[in-house]
């Protein structure tokens, strides 16, 4: 499955776009492919940006300041985000174009730098959710373990409260040598029935037909 591709662009690709790429990789792992670049790359990641990102548990050590020519070729960008660089930001074709009016924090005080970082984190998180919404558990997935546990509790309770039922269930065994028990088989089926409903048997048959 193709992941949505998002590109963050500023002039130097040293602070803002680097932090945005890192946040997108962290919050959108497995959901989006994040890249960043600069129209006039500085050639290095800002040391303060790296330090402040570490406060968020994110290491920028593997990232580098890149130019537009360093981007992978032939990519269809699902979103291109320019970051407060005005006319200096390049125009790249994309399904969605956004401009985040964010000041360059490299000369700011530590507190102001953190405010820009935190604003980028919020914007990136919202963008990732727009491009690739996180799968929400449905009722079946949320309560499957409860259903299985309930079936087990009912089985144990029957054995404790109605000890005679154990013998009655044992009498339902049939099959010479196999000792198949209808009641137990039925209870197991009830336990796994919700899971069986989620199986796409048509797809399984399709796999079987492949050479």
C-alpha atoms as a PDB file:
ATOM      1  CA  UNK A   1       0.000   0.000   0.000  1.00  0.00           C
ATOM      2  CA  UNK A   2       1.383   3.403  -1.006  1.00  0.00           C
ATOM      3  CA  UNK A   3       1.939   5.802   1.858  1.00  0.00           C
ATOM      4  CA  UNK A   4       1.018   9.485   1.505  1.00  0.00           C
ATOM      5  CA  UNK A   5       4.167  11.499   0.776  1.00  0.00           C
ATOM      6  CA  UNK A   6       4.609  14.828   2.530  1.00  0.00           C
ATOM      7  CA  UNK A   7       7.381  17.357   1.946  1.00  0.00           C
ATOM      8  CA  UNK A   8       8.363  20.200   4.278  1.00  0.00           C
ATOM      9  CA  UNK A   9      10.257  23.050   2.629  1.00  0.00           C
ATOM     10  CA  UNK A  10      12.027  26.108   3.963  1.00  0.00           C
ATOM     11  CA  UNK A  11      15.075  28.043   2.759  1.00  0.00           C
ATOM     12  CA  UNK A  12      17.951  26.433   4.684  1.00  0.00           C
ATOM     13  CA  UNK A  13      16.432  23.077   5.688  1.00  0.00           C
ATOM     14  CA  UNK A  14      18.155  23.526   9.000  1.00  0.00           C
ATOM     15  CA  UNK A  15      15.507  24.219  11.664  1.00  0.00           C
ATOM     16  CA  UNK A  16      11.801  24.322  10.897  1.00  0.00           C
ATOM     17  CA  UNK A  17      11.537  21.822   8.068  1.00  0.00           C
ATOM     18  CA  UNK A  18      13.955  19.471   9.831  1.00  0.00           C
ATOM     19  CA  UNK A  19      11.817  19.456  12.959  1.00  0.00           C
ATOM     20  CA  UNK A  20       8.654  19.021  10.899  1.00  0.00           C
ATOM     21  CA  UNK A  21      10.112  16.032   9.034  1.00  0.00           C
ATOM     22  CA  UNK A  22      11.198  14.433  12.312  1.00  0.00           C
ATOM     23  CA  UNK A  23       7.809  14.953  13.949  1.00  0.00           C
ATOM     24  CA  UNK A  24       6.084  13.501  10.888  1.00  0.00           C
ATOM     25  CA  UNK A  25       8.334  10.444  10.938  1.00  0.00           C
ATOM     26  CA  UNK A  26       7.684   9.946  14.648  1.00  0.00           C
ATOM     27  CA  UNK A  27       3.921  10.491  14.749  1.00  0.00           C
ATOM     28  CA  UNK A  28       3.219   9.091  11.286  1.00  0.00           C
ATOM     29  CA  UNK A  29       5.459   6.015  11.400  1.00  0.00           C
ATOM     30  CA  UNK A  30       4.004   3.466   9.016  1.00  0.00           C
ATOM     31  CA  UNK A  31       1.344   5.929   7.851  1.00  0.00           C
ATOM     32  CA  UNK A  32       3.178   8.677   5.936  1.00  0.00           C
ATOM     33  CA  UNK A  33       6.515   9.082   4.155  1.00  0.00           C
ATOM     34  CA  UNK A  34       8.075  12.363   5.291  1.00  0.00           C
ATOM     35  CA  UNK A  35      10.811  14.399   3.591  1.00  0.00           C
ATOM     36  CA  UNK A  36      12.254  17.881   3.895  1.00  0.00           C
ATOM     37  CA  UNK A  37      14.409  20.140   1.748  1.00  0.00           C
ATOM     38  CA  UNK A  38      15.557  23.728   1.344  1.00  0.00           C
ATOM     39  CA  UNK A  39      15.845  26.054  -1.624  1.00  0.00           C
ATOM     40  CA  UNK A  40      19.285  27.155  -0.323  1.00  0.00           C
ATOM     41  CA  UNK A  41      20.285  24.419   2.144  1.00  0.00           C
ATOM     42  CA  UNK A  42      22.622  25.390   4.953  1.00  0.00           C
ATOM     43  CA  UNK A  43      24.446  22.083   4.731  1.00  0.00           C
ATOM     44  CA  UNK A  44      23.904  21.166   8.372  1.00  0.00           C
ATOM     45  CA  UNK A  45      21.111  20.700  10.874  1.00  0.00           C
ATOM     46  CA  UNK A  46      20.912  23.475  13.445  1.00  0.00           C
ATOM     47  CA  UNK A  47      22.459  22.274  16.699  1.00  0.00           C
ATOM     48  CA  UNK A  48      19.837  24.000  18.823  1.00  0.00           C
ATOM     49  CA  UNK A  49      17.069  22.353  16.829  1.00  0.00           C
ATOM     50  CA  UNK A  50      18.697  18.983  17.485  1.00  0.00           C
ATOM     51  CA  UNK A  51      18.997  19.755  21.191  1.00  0.00           C
ATOM     52  CA  UNK A  52      15.397  20.895  21.571  1.00  0.00           C
ATOM     53  CA  UNK A  53      14.092  17.919  19.615  1.00  0.00           C
ATOM     54  CA  UNK A  54      15.896  15.620  22.020  1.00  0.00           C
ATOM     55  CA  UNK A  55      13.647  17.083  24.707  1.00  0.00           C
ATOM     56  CA  UNK A  56      10.823  15.413  22.768  1.00  0.00           C
ATOM     57  CA  UNK A  57      12.739  12.151  22.564  1.00  0.00           C
ATOM     58  CA  UNK A  58      13.566  12.613  18.866  1.00  0.00           C
ATOM     59  CA  UNK A  59      17.124  12.365  17.535  1.00  0.00           C
ATOM     60  CA  UNK A  60      17.983  14.424  14.454  1.00  0.00           C
ATOM     61  CA  UNK A  61      21.394  12.770  14.138  1.00  0.00           C
ATOM     62  CA  UNK A  62      20.355  10.740  11.087  1.00  0.00           C
ATOM     63  CA  UNK A  63      18.969  13.766   9.219  1.00  0.00           C
ATOM     64  CA  UNK A  64      20.909  16.121   6.987  1.00  0.00           C
ATOM     65  CA  UNK A  65      20.320  19.491   5.362  1.00  0.00           C
ATOM     66  CA  UNK A  66      19.184  18.751   1.797  1.00  0.00           C
ATOM     67  CA  UNK A  67      18.416  20.659  -1.369  1.00  0.00           C
ATOM     68  CA  UNK A  68      15.496  20.123  -3.704  1.00  0.00           C
ATOM     69  CA  UNK A  69      17.735  18.172  -6.080  1.00  0.00           C
ATOM     70  CA  UNK A  70      18.322  15.618  -3.319  1.00  0.00           C
ATOM     71  CA  UNK A  71      14.656  14.637  -3.144  1.00  0.00           C
ATOM     72  CA  UNK A  72      13.624  11.238  -4.537  1.00  0.00           C
ATOM     73  CA  UNK A  73      12.702  11.455  -8.205  1.00  0.00           C
ATOM     74  CA  UNK A  74       9.253  10.734  -9.568  1.00  0.00           C
ATOM     75  CA  UNK A  75       7.401  11.226  -6.292  1.00  0.00           C
ATOM     76  CA  UNK A  76       3.831  12.489  -6.385  1.00  0.00           C
ATOM     77  CA  UNK A  77       3.583  14.700  -3.321  1.00  0.00           C
ATOM     78  CA  UNK A  78       0.348  14.395  -1.415  1.00  0.00           C
ATOM     79  CA  UNK A  79       1.207  17.520   0.561  1.00  0.00           C
ATOM     80  CA  UNK A  80       3.899  20.160   0.257  1.00  0.00           C
ATOM     81  CA  UNK A  81       4.256  22.450   3.246  1.00  0.00           C
ATOM     82  CA  UNK A  82       6.229  25.669   2.959  1.00  0.00           C
ATOM     83  CA  UNK A  83       7.283  27.198   6.227  1.00  0.00           C
ATOM     84  CA  UNK A  84       7.125  30.945   6.427  1.00  0.00           C
ATOM     85  CA  UNK A  85       9.719  31.648   3.736  1.00  0.00           C
ATOM     86  CA  UNK A  86       7.487  33.659   1.418  1.00  0.00           C
ATOM     87  CA  UNK A  87       8.762  34.133  -2.140  1.00  0.00           C
ATOM     88  CA  UNK A  88      11.984  32.276  -1.282  1.00  0.00           C
ATOM     89  CA  UNK A  89      10.026  29.015  -1.032  1.00  0.00           C
ATOM     90  CA  UNK A  90       9.937  27.023  -4.266  1.00  0.00           C
ATOM     91  CA  UNK A  91       6.696  26.011  -5.941  1.00  0.00           C
ATOM     92  CA  UNK A  92       6.363  22.256  -6.209  1.00  0.00           C
ATOM     93  CA  UNK A  93       3.343  20.409  -7.614  1.00  0.00           C
ATOM     94  CA  UNK A  94       1.279  18.651  -4.978  1.00  0.00           C
ATOM     95  CA  UNK A  95      -2.238  17.475  -4.293  1.00  0.00           C
ATOM     96  CA  UNK A  96      -2.314  19.773  -1.261  1.00  0.00           C
ATOM     97  CA  UNK A  97      -0.237  22.885  -0.677  1.00  0.00           C
ATOM     98  CA  UNK A  98       0.038  24.556   2.700  1.00  0.00           C
ATOM     99  CA  UNK A  99       2.017  27.501   3.989  1.00  0.00           C
ATOM    100  CA  UNK A 100       2.680  27.640   7.700  1.00  0.00           C
ATOM    101  CA  UNK A 101       3.609  31.148   8.732  1.00  0.00           C
ATOM    102  CA  UNK A 102       6.349  30.178  11.182  1.00  0.00           C
ATOM    103  CA  UNK A 103       9.255  32.454  12.065  1.00  0.00           C
ATOM    104  CA  UNK A 104      12.784  31.101  11.777  1.00  0.00           C
ATOM    105  CA  UNK A 105      13.710  30.285  15.399  1.00  0.00           C
ATOM    106  CA  UNK A 106      17.477  29.975  15.004  1.00  0.00           C
ATOM    107  CA  UNK A 107      18.197  33.393  16.580  1.00  0.00           C
ATOM    108  CA  UNK A 108      15.391  33.224  19.148  1.00  0.00           C
ATOM    109  CA  UNK A 109      15.641  32.705  22.877  1.00  0.00           C
ATOM    110  CA  UNK A 110      15.330  29.159  24.160  1.00  0.00           C
ATOM    111  CA  UNK A 111      11.726  29.649  25.257  1.00  0.00           C
ATOM    112  CA  UNK A 112      10.689  31.159  21.917  1.00  0.00           C
ATOM    113  CA  UNK A 113      12.512  28.391  20.049  1.00  0.00           C
ATOM    114  CA  UNK A 114      10.519  25.818  22.040  1.00  0.00           C
ATOM    115  CA  UNK A 115       7.270  27.615  21.211  1.00  0.00           C
ATOM    116  CA  UNK A 116       8.027  27.336  17.486  1.00  0.00           C
ATOM    117  CA  UNK A 117       8.959  23.670  17.946  1.00  0.00           C
ATOM    118  CA  UNK A 118       5.728  22.953  19.823  1.00  0.00           C
ATOM    119  CA  UNK A 119       3.677  24.772  17.184  1.00  0.00           C
ATOM    120  CA  UNK A 120       5.316  22.665  14.468  1.00  0.00           C
ATOM    121  CA  UNK A 121       4.554  19.507  16.436  1.00  0.00           C
ATOM    122  CA  UNK A 122       0.861  20.420  16.652  1.00  0.00           C
ATOM    123  CA  UNK A 123       0.601  21.347  12.969  1.00  0.00           C
ATOM    124  CA  UNK A 124       2.387  18.183  11.857  1.00  0.00           C
ATOM    125  CA  UNK A 125       0.228  15.971  14.056  1.00  0.00           C
ATOM    126  CA  UNK A 126      -2.925  17.499  12.552  1.00  0.00           C
ATOM    127  CA  UNK A 127      -1.568  17.095   9.017  1.00  0.00           C
ATOM    128  CA  UNK A 128      -0.664  13.435   9.541  1.00  0.00           C
ATOM    129  CA  UNK A 129      -4.167  12.719  10.827  1.00  0.00           C
ATOM    130  CA  UNK A 130      -5.616  14.408   7.727  1.00  0.00           C
ATOM    131  CA  UNK A 131      -3.426  12.476   5.313  1.00  0.00           C
ATOM    132  CA  UNK A 132      -3.580   9.102   7.058  1.00  0.00           C
ATOM    133  CA  UNK A 133      -6.180   8.921   9.836  1.00  0.00           C
ATOM    134  CA  UNK A 134      -5.276   6.503  12.576  1.00  0.00           C
ATOM    135  CA  UNK A 135      -7.403   3.358  12.445  1.00  0.00           C
ATOM    136  CA  UNK A 136      -9.908   3.353  15.281  1.00  0.00           C
ATOM    137  CA  UNK A 137     -10.922   0.128  16.944  1.00  0.00           C
ATOM    138  CA  UNK A 138     -14.488  -0.904  16.230  1.00  0.00           C
ATOM    139  CA  UNK A 139     -16.741  -2.503  18.842  1.00  0.00           C
ATOM    140  CA  UNK A 140     -15.680  -6.005  17.775  1.00  0.00           C
ATOM    141  CA  UNK A 141     -11.960  -5.256  18.079  1.00  0.00           C
ATOM    142  CA  UNK A 142     -12.389  -3.340  21.325  1.00  0.00           C
ATOM    143  CA  UNK A 143     -14.310  -6.050  23.156  1.00  0.00           C
ATOM    144  CA  UNK A 144     -12.987  -9.253  21.549  1.00  0.00           C
ATOM    145  CA  UNK A 145     -10.785 -10.107  24.515  1.00  0.00           C
ATOM    146  CA  UNK A 146     -13.740  -9.435  26.850  1.00  0.00           C
ATOM    147  CA  UNK A 147     -15.891 -11.855  24.832  1.00  0.00           C
ATOM    148  CA  UNK A 148     -13.251 -14.597  24.965  1.00  0.00           C
ATOM    149  CA  UNK A 149     -12.725 -14.063  28.708  1.00  0.00           C
ATOM    150  CA  UNK A 150     -16.496 -14.145  29.293  1.00  0.00           C
ATOM    151  CA  UNK A 151     -16.786 -17.484  27.475  1.00  0.00           C
ATOM    152  CA  UNK A 152     -14.018 -18.898  29.654  1.00  0.00           C
ATOM    153  CA  UNK A 153     -15.621 -17.596  32.849  1.00  0.00           C
ATOM    154  CA  UNK A 154     -18.980 -19.102  31.883  1.00  0.00           C
ATOM    155  CA  UNK A 155     -17.318 -22.467  31.278  1.00  0.00           C
ATOM    156  CA  UNK A 156     -15.546 -22.397  34.651  1.00  0.00           C
ATOM    157  CA  UNK A 157     -18.703 -21.236  36.439  1.00  0.00           C
ATOM    158  CA  UNK A 158     -20.739 -24.092  34.975  1.00  0.00           C
ATOM    159  CA  UNK A 159     -18.169 -26.576  36.245  1.00  0.00           C
ATOM    160  CA  UNK A 160     -18.180 -25.050  39.749  1.00  0.00           C
ATOM    161  CA  UNK A 161     -21.882 -24.292  40.216  1.00  0.00           C
ATOM    162  CA  UNK A 162     -23.288 -27.273  38.361  1.00  0.00           C
ATOM    163  CA  UNK A 163     -20.790 -30.089  38.894  1.00  0.00           C
ATOM    164  CA  UNK A 164     -23.233 -32.556  37.382  1.00  0.00           C
ATOM    165  CA  UNK A 165     -22.994 -30.690  34.097  1.00  0.00           C
ATOM    166  CA  UNK A 166     -19.388 -31.861  33.670  1.00  0.00           C
ATOM    167  CA  UNK A 167     -20.493 -35.485  33.555  1.00  0.00           C
ATOM    168  CA  UNK A 168     -23.391 -34.636  31.280  1.00  0.00           C
ATOM    169  CA  UNK A 169     -21.066 -32.865  28.883  1.00  0.00           C
ATOM    170  CA  UNK A 170     -18.665 -35.812  28.969  1.00  0.00           C
ATOM    171  CA  UNK A 171     -21.524 -38.101  27.968  1.00  0.00           C
ATOM    172  CA  UNK A 172     -21.901 -36.102  24.764  1.00  0.00           C
ATOM    173  CA  UNK A 173     -18.590 -37.376  23.443  1.00  0.00           C
ATOM    174  CA  UNK A 174     -18.675 -39.465  20.285  1.00  0.00           C
ATOM    175  CA  UNK A 175     -16.289 -40.880  17.728  1.00  0.00           C
ATOM    176  CA  UNK A 176     -14.343 -43.984  18.584  1.00  0.00           C
ATOM    177  CA  UNK A 177     -10.817 -42.986  19.544  1.00  0.00           C
ATOM    178  CA  UNK A 178     -11.315 -39.299  18.700  1.00  0.00           C
ATOM    179  CA  UNK A 179     -13.577 -38.514  21.691  1.00  0.00           C
ATOM    180  CA  UNK A 180     -15.182 -35.467  20.086  1.00  0.00           C
ATOM    181  CA  UNK A 181     -17.399 -33.563  22.495  1.00  0.00           C
ATOM    182  CA  UNK A 182     -20.320 -31.724  20.899  1.00  0.00           C
ATOM    183  CA  UNK A 183     -20.902 -29.322  23.788  1.00  0.00           C
ATOM    184  CA  UNK A 184     -17.271 -28.288  24.095  1.00  0.00           C
ATOM    185  CA  UNK A 185     -16.956 -27.937  20.320  1.00  0.00           C
ATOM    186  CA  UNK A 186     -20.056 -25.713  20.356  1.00  0.00           C
ATOM    187  CA  UNK A 187     -18.630 -23.525  23.150  1.00  0.00           C
ATOM    188  CA  UNK A 188     -15.323 -23.156  21.303  1.00  0.00           C
ATOM    189  CA  UNK A 189     -17.221 -22.210  18.158  1.00  0.00           C
ATOM    190  CA  UNK A 190     -19.166 -19.539  20.060  1.00  0.00           C
ATOM    191  CA  UNK A 191     -15.877 -18.186  21.380  1.00  0.00           C
ATOM    192  CA  UNK A 192     -14.236 -17.866  17.955  1.00  0.00           C
ATOM    193  CA  UNK A 193     -17.382 -16.971  15.970  1.00  0.00           C
ATOM    194  CA  UNK A 194     -16.826 -13.163  16.182  1.00  0.00           C
ATOM    195  CA  UNK A 195     -13.288 -13.644  14.831  1.00  0.00           C
ATOM    196  CA  UNK A 196     -14.566 -15.798  11.973  1.00  0.00           C
ATOM    197  CA  UNK A 197     -16.856 -12.956  10.901  1.00  0.00           C
ATOM    198  CA  UNK A 198     -13.804 -10.770  10.201  1.00  0.00           C
ATOM    199  CA  UNK A 199     -12.175 -13.238   7.794  1.00  0.00           C
ATOM    200  CA  UNK A 200     -12.434 -12.390   4.108  1.00  0.00           C
ATOM    201  CA  UNK A 201     -12.866 -15.915   2.744  1.00  0.00           C
ATOM    202  CA  UNK A 202     -13.135 -14.595  -0.813  1.00  0.00           C
ATOM    203  CA  UNK A 203      -9.592 -13.230  -0.584  1.00  0.00           C
ATOM    204  CA  UNK A 204      -8.358 -16.527   0.838  1.00  0.00           C
ATOM    205  CA  UNK A 205      -9.807 -18.383  -2.148  1.00  0.00           C
ATOM    206  CA  UNK A 206      -8.138 -15.885  -4.461  1.00  0.00           C
ATOM    207  CA  UNK A 207      -4.762 -16.571  -2.852  1.00  0.00           C
ATOM    208  CA  UNK A 208      -5.309 -20.293  -3.281  1.00  0.00           C
ATOM    209  CA  UNK A 209      -5.893 -19.853  -7.016  1.00  0.00           C
ATOM    210  CA  UNK A 210      -2.661 -17.946  -7.576  1.00  0.00           C
ATOM    211  CA  UNK A 211       0.121 -19.958  -9.252  1.00  0.00           C
END
